[in-house]
């Protein structure tokens, strides 16, 4: 399950307008689909997003947008450190906040 949650969290960093803190489900879905190709079932991605919300990494706002919590931002930083430490395996990609 943590891989799926990390996937959702990473999508915030992948979003080309990452300076925006609040993203709709459709913006997240479109960006994730563009980045990794066909994800298959949209319902699966929605359940991953739900897991990220329930674990406190992502907050769902009243206006039906989503944003990273402070816990989620720290997780993005951890993922970046992991990638940096394993650059040969992962390349030079980095998630933006």
N, C-alpha and C. Protein backbone atom coordinates (compact mmCIF):
# COMPACT_ATOMS: atom_id res chain seq x y z
N UNK A 1 0.81 -1.20 0.00
CA UNK A 1 0.00 0.00 0.00
C UNK A 1 0.85 1.27 0.00
N UNK A 2 2.00 1.24 0.62
CA UNK A 2 2.82 2.45 0.68
C UNK A 2 3.29 2.86 -0.71
N UNK A 3 3.51 1.91 -1.61
CA UNK A 3 3.91 2.24 -2.97
C UNK A 3 2.83 3.05 -3.66
N UNK A 4 1.59 2.66 -3.48
CA UNK A 4 0.47 3.37 -4.09
C UNK A 4 0.36 4.79 -3.52
N UNK A 5 0.52 4.90 -2.20
CA UNK A 5 0.46 6.22 -1.56
C UNK A 5 1.61 7.09 -2.05
N UNK A 6 2.81 6.52 -2.14
CA UNK A 6 3.95 7.27 -2.67
C UNK A 6 3.68 7.73 -4.10
N UNK A 7 3.02 6.91 -4.87
CA UNK A 7 2.69 7.27 -6.25
C UNK A 7 1.81 8.52 -6.29
N UNK A 8 0.81 8.57 -5.42
CA UNK A 8 -0.07 9.73 -5.35
C UNK A 8 0.71 10.96 -4.88
N UNK A 9 1.51 10.80 -3.85
CA UNK A 9 2.29 11.91 -3.30
C UNK A 9 3.23 12.46 -4.37
N UNK A 10 3.89 11.57 -5.09
CA UNK A 10 4.83 11.98 -6.13
C UNK A 10 4.12 12.76 -7.23
N UNK A 11 2.86 12.45 -7.48
CA UNK A 11 2.12 13.14 -8.53
C UNK A 11 2.04 14.63 -8.26
N UNK A 12 1.95 15.04 -7.01
CA UNK A 12 1.94 16.47 -6.70
C UNK A 12 3.24 17.12 -7.16
N UNK A 13 4.35 16.44 -6.98
CA UNK A 13 5.63 16.97 -7.41
C UNK A 13 5.80 16.95 -8.91
N UNK A 14 5.13 16.01 -9.57
CA UNK A 14 5.23 15.91 -11.03
C UNK A 14 4.40 16.97 -11.72
N UNK A 15 3.40 17.49 -11.03
CA UNK A 15 2.47 18.41 -11.67
C UNK A 15 3.23 19.63 -12.20
N UNK A 16 3.03 19.91 -13.45
CA UNK A 16 3.80 20.98 -14.10
C UNK A 16 3.56 22.33 -13.45
N UNK A 17 2.43 22.53 -12.83
CA UNK A 17 2.15 23.75 -12.10
C UNK A 17 2.35 23.53 -10.61
N UNK A 18 3.45 22.90 -10.24
CA UNK A 18 3.63 22.45 -8.86
C UNK A 18 3.66 23.58 -7.84
N UNK A 19 3.77 24.83 -8.30
CA UNK A 19 3.70 25.94 -7.35
C UNK A 19 2.28 26.07 -6.80
N UNK A 20 1.32 25.49 -7.51
CA UNK A 20 -0.05 25.45 -7.00
C UNK A 20 -0.15 24.39 -5.92
N UNK A 21 -0.75 24.75 -4.84
CA UNK A 21 -0.87 23.78 -3.75
C UNK A 21 -2.10 22.90 -3.87
N UNK A 22 -3.15 23.44 -4.47
CA UNK A 22 -4.40 22.70 -4.54
C UNK A 22 -4.64 22.20 -5.96
N UNK A 23 -4.90 20.90 -6.08
CA UNK A 23 -5.13 20.28 -7.36
C UNK A 23 -6.42 19.48 -7.31
N UNK A 24 -7.15 19.47 -8.41
CA UNK A 24 -8.35 18.65 -8.48
C UNK A 24 -7.96 17.20 -8.77
N UNK A 25 -8.89 16.32 -8.56
CA UNK A 25 -8.65 14.92 -8.91
C UNK A 25 -8.26 14.80 -10.37
N UNK A 26 -8.93 15.54 -11.24
CA UNK A 26 -8.69 15.44 -12.69
C UNK A 26 -7.29 15.94 -13.05
N UNK A 27 -6.82 16.98 -12.39
CA UNK A 27 -5.46 17.45 -12.64
C UNK A 27 -4.43 16.39 -12.21
N UNK A 28 -4.67 15.79 -11.06
CA UNK A 28 -3.78 14.73 -10.59
C UNK A 28 -3.80 13.53 -11.54
N UNK A 29 -4.99 13.12 -11.94
CA UNK A 29 -5.14 11.98 -12.85
C UNK A 29 -4.47 12.26 -14.19
N UNK A 30 -4.73 13.43 -14.76
CA UNK A 30 -4.14 13.79 -16.06
C UNK A 30 -2.62 13.79 -16.00
N UNK A 31 -2.06 14.38 -14.94
CA UNK A 31 -0.61 14.46 -14.82
C UNK A 31 0.00 13.08 -14.63
N UNK A 32 -0.59 12.30 -13.78
CA UNK A 32 -0.07 10.95 -13.52
C UNK A 32 -0.15 10.11 -14.79
N UNK A 33 -1.25 10.20 -15.51
CA UNK A 33 -1.41 9.44 -16.75
C UNK A 33 -0.39 9.87 -17.78
N UNK A 34 -0.14 11.18 -17.89
CA UNK A 34 0.83 11.69 -18.85
C UNK A 34 2.25 11.25 -18.48
N UNK A 35 2.54 11.18 -17.21
CA UNK A 35 3.89 10.87 -16.76
C UNK A 35 4.23 9.38 -16.90
N UNK A 36 3.30 8.52 -16.54
CA UNK A 36 3.61 7.09 -16.53
C UNK A 36 2.81 6.28 -17.55
N UNK A 37 2.06 6.95 -18.37
CA UNK A 37 1.25 6.24 -19.35
C UNK A 37 -0.07 5.79 -18.76
N UNK A 38 -0.72 4.91 -19.40
CA UNK A 38 -2.04 4.46 -18.97
C UNK A 38 -1.94 3.75 -17.63
N UNK A 39 -2.62 4.31 -16.65
CA UNK A 39 -2.62 3.70 -15.32
C UNK A 39 -3.63 2.58 -15.20
N UNK A 40 -4.42 2.40 -16.23
CA UNK A 40 -5.45 1.39 -16.14
C UNK A 40 -6.73 1.99 -15.62
N UNK A 41 -7.15 1.56 -14.48
CA UNK A 41 -8.45 1.91 -13.93
C UNK A 41 -8.38 3.17 -13.08
N UNK A 42 -9.20 4.15 -13.43
CA UNK A 42 -9.27 5.40 -12.68
C UNK A 42 -9.72 5.14 -11.24
N UNK A 43 -10.56 4.14 -11.05
CA UNK A 43 -11.02 3.80 -9.70
C UNK A 43 -9.87 3.38 -8.79
N UNK A 44 -8.88 2.72 -9.37
CA UNK A 44 -7.71 2.31 -8.58
C UNK A 44 -6.95 3.54 -8.12
N UNK A 45 -6.73 4.49 -9.04
CA UNK A 45 -6.03 5.72 -8.68
C UNK A 45 -6.82 6.48 -7.61
N UNK A 46 -8.14 6.51 -7.74
CA UNK A 46 -8.98 7.18 -6.74
C UNK A 46 -8.83 6.51 -5.38
N UNK A 47 -8.71 5.19 -5.36
CA UNK A 47 -8.53 4.50 -4.07
C UNK A 47 -7.16 4.82 -3.49
N UNK A 48 -6.13 4.94 -4.35
CA UNK A 48 -4.80 5.34 -3.87
C UNK A 48 -4.85 6.73 -3.26
N UNK A 49 -5.56 7.63 -3.93
CA UNK A 49 -5.70 8.99 -3.39
C UNK A 49 -6.43 8.94 -2.05
N UNK A 50 -7.45 8.12 -1.95
CA UNK A 50 -8.15 7.94 -0.68
C UNK A 50 -7.25 7.43 0.43
N UNK A 51 -6.35 6.51 0.08
CA UNK A 51 -5.38 6.00 1.07
C UNK A 51 -4.44 7.12 1.52
N UNK A 52 -4.00 7.94 0.57
CA UNK A 52 -3.10 9.05 0.92
C UNK A 52 -3.80 10.04 1.85
N UNK A 53 -5.10 10.25 1.62
CA UNK A 53 -5.87 11.14 2.50
C UNK A 53 -6.03 10.50 3.88
N UNK A 54 -6.40 9.23 3.91
CA UNK A 54 -6.64 8.57 5.20
C UNK A 54 -5.36 8.44 6.03
N UNK A 55 -4.22 8.40 5.39
CA UNK A 55 -2.94 8.29 6.11
C UNK A 55 -2.35 9.65 6.46
N UNK A 56 -3.03 10.72 6.07
CA UNK A 56 -2.60 12.05 6.47
C UNK A 56 -1.55 12.70 5.59
N UNK A 57 -1.27 12.13 4.42
CA UNK A 57 -0.30 12.71 3.50
C UNK A 57 -0.92 13.80 2.62
N UNK A 58 -2.21 13.65 2.36
CA UNK A 58 -2.93 14.55 1.47
C UNK A 58 -4.21 14.98 2.18
N UNK A 59 -4.58 16.23 1.97
CA UNK A 59 -5.81 16.77 2.56
C UNK A 59 -6.81 17.02 1.44
N UNK A 60 -8.06 16.61 1.67
CA UNK A 60 -9.14 16.93 0.74
C UNK A 60 -9.83 18.17 1.26
N UNK A 61 -9.89 19.20 0.42
CA UNK A 61 -10.49 20.46 0.80
C UNK A 61 -11.98 20.47 0.47
N UNK A 62 -12.69 21.41 1.05
CA UNK A 62 -14.14 21.51 0.82
C UNK A 62 -14.48 21.79 -0.63
N UNK A 63 -13.57 22.43 -1.35
CA UNK A 63 -13.83 22.75 -2.76
C UNK A 63 -13.44 21.62 -3.70
N UNK A 64 -13.31 20.41 -3.15
CA UNK A 64 -12.97 19.21 -3.93
C UNK A 64 -11.59 19.27 -4.57
N UNK A 65 -10.68 20.00 -3.96
CA UNK A 65 -9.29 19.97 -4.37
C UNK A 65 -8.50 19.20 -3.32
N UNK A 66 -7.29 18.84 -3.69
CA UNK A 66 -6.42 18.09 -2.79
C UNK A 66 -5.10 18.84 -2.67
N UNK A 67 -4.47 18.71 -1.51
CA UNK A 67 -3.16 19.30 -1.33
C UNK A 67 -2.35 18.45 -0.37
N UNK A 68 -1.02 18.54 -0.52
CA UNK A 68 -0.14 17.82 0.40
C UNK A 68 -0.22 18.45 1.78
N UNK A 69 -0.19 17.63 2.79
CA UNK A 69 -0.06 18.11 4.16
C UNK A 69 1.43 18.28 4.45
N UNK A 70 1.75 18.77 5.62
CA UNK A 70 3.16 18.88 5.99
C UNK A 70 3.80 17.49 6.01
N UNK A 71 3.05 16.49 6.40
CA UNK A 71 3.55 15.11 6.39
C UNK A 71 3.84 14.67 4.95
N UNK A 72 2.95 15.02 4.05
CA UNK A 72 3.14 14.68 2.64
C UNK A 72 4.34 15.38 2.03
N UNK A 73 4.54 16.66 2.39
CA UNK A 73 5.71 17.39 1.88
C UNK A 73 7.01 16.77 2.40
N UNK A 74 7.00 16.34 3.67
CA UNK A 74 8.19 15.66 4.20
C UNK A 74 8.44 14.35 3.47
N UNK A 75 7.36 13.66 3.10
CA UNK A 75 7.50 12.40 2.36
C UNK A 75 8.12 12.66 0.99
N UNK A 76 7.71 13.75 0.32
CA UNK A 76 8.32 14.10 -0.97
C UNK A 76 9.81 14.34 -0.78
N UNK A 77 10.17 15.03 0.28
CA UNK A 77 11.59 15.27 0.57
C UNK A 77 12.33 13.96 0.80
N UNK A 78 11.70 13.02 1.53
CA UNK A 78 12.31 11.71 1.76
C UNK A 78 12.49 10.96 0.45
N UNK A 79 11.49 11.02 -0.41
CA UNK A 79 11.59 10.35 -1.71
C UNK A 79 12.73 10.95 -2.52
N UNK A 80 12.85 12.28 -2.49
CA UNK A 80 13.94 12.94 -3.21
C UNK A 80 15.30 12.49 -2.67
N UNK A 81 15.42 12.38 -1.34
CA UNK A 81 16.68 11.92 -0.76
C UNK A 81 16.99 10.49 -1.19
N UNK A 82 15.97 9.64 -1.19
CA UNK A 82 16.17 8.26 -1.62
C UNK A 82 16.65 8.20 -3.07
N UNK A 83 16.06 9.03 -3.91
CA UNK A 83 16.46 9.07 -5.32
C UNK A 83 17.88 9.58 -5.44
N UNK A 84 18.19 10.63 -4.68
CA UNK A 84 19.54 11.20 -4.73
C UNK A 84 20.58 10.18 -4.30
N UNK A 85 20.27 9.42 -3.26
CA UNK A 85 21.21 8.42 -2.76
C UNK A 85 21.39 7.26 -3.74
N UNK A 86 20.40 7.04 -4.56
CA UNK A 86 20.43 5.94 -5.53
C UNK A 86 20.35 6.46 -6.96
N UNK A 87 21.06 7.55 -7.23
CA UNK A 87 20.96 8.22 -8.52
C UNK A 87 21.28 7.31 -9.70
N UNK A 88 22.22 6.42 -9.53
CA UNK A 88 22.56 5.54 -10.64
C UNK A 88 21.36 4.70 -11.06
N UNK A 89 20.60 4.26 -10.07
CA UNK A 89 19.44 3.42 -10.37
C UNK A 89 18.26 4.23 -10.87
N UNK A 90 18.03 5.43 -10.28
CA UNK A 90 16.85 6.22 -10.60
C UNK A 90 17.10 7.34 -11.60
N UNK A 91 18.32 7.68 -11.90
CA UNK A 91 18.61 8.82 -12.77
C UNK A 91 18.62 10.10 -11.95
N UNK A 92 18.39 11.22 -12.58
CA UNK A 92 18.51 12.50 -11.89
C UNK A 92 17.17 13.16 -11.64
N UNK A 93 16.09 12.44 -11.78
CA UNK A 93 14.76 13.01 -11.59
C UNK A 93 14.55 13.44 -10.16
N UNK A 94 13.87 14.57 -9.95
CA UNK A 94 13.56 15.06 -8.61
C UNK A 94 12.15 15.61 -8.59
N UNK A 95 11.44 15.38 -7.51
CA UNK A 95 10.10 15.91 -7.34
C UNK A 95 10.18 17.33 -6.84
N UNK A 96 9.36 18.20 -7.41
CA UNK A 96 9.28 19.59 -6.97
C UNK A 96 8.22 19.73 -5.90
N UNK A 97 8.39 20.73 -5.07
CA UNK A 97 7.35 21.07 -4.09
C UNK A 97 6.72 22.37 -4.46
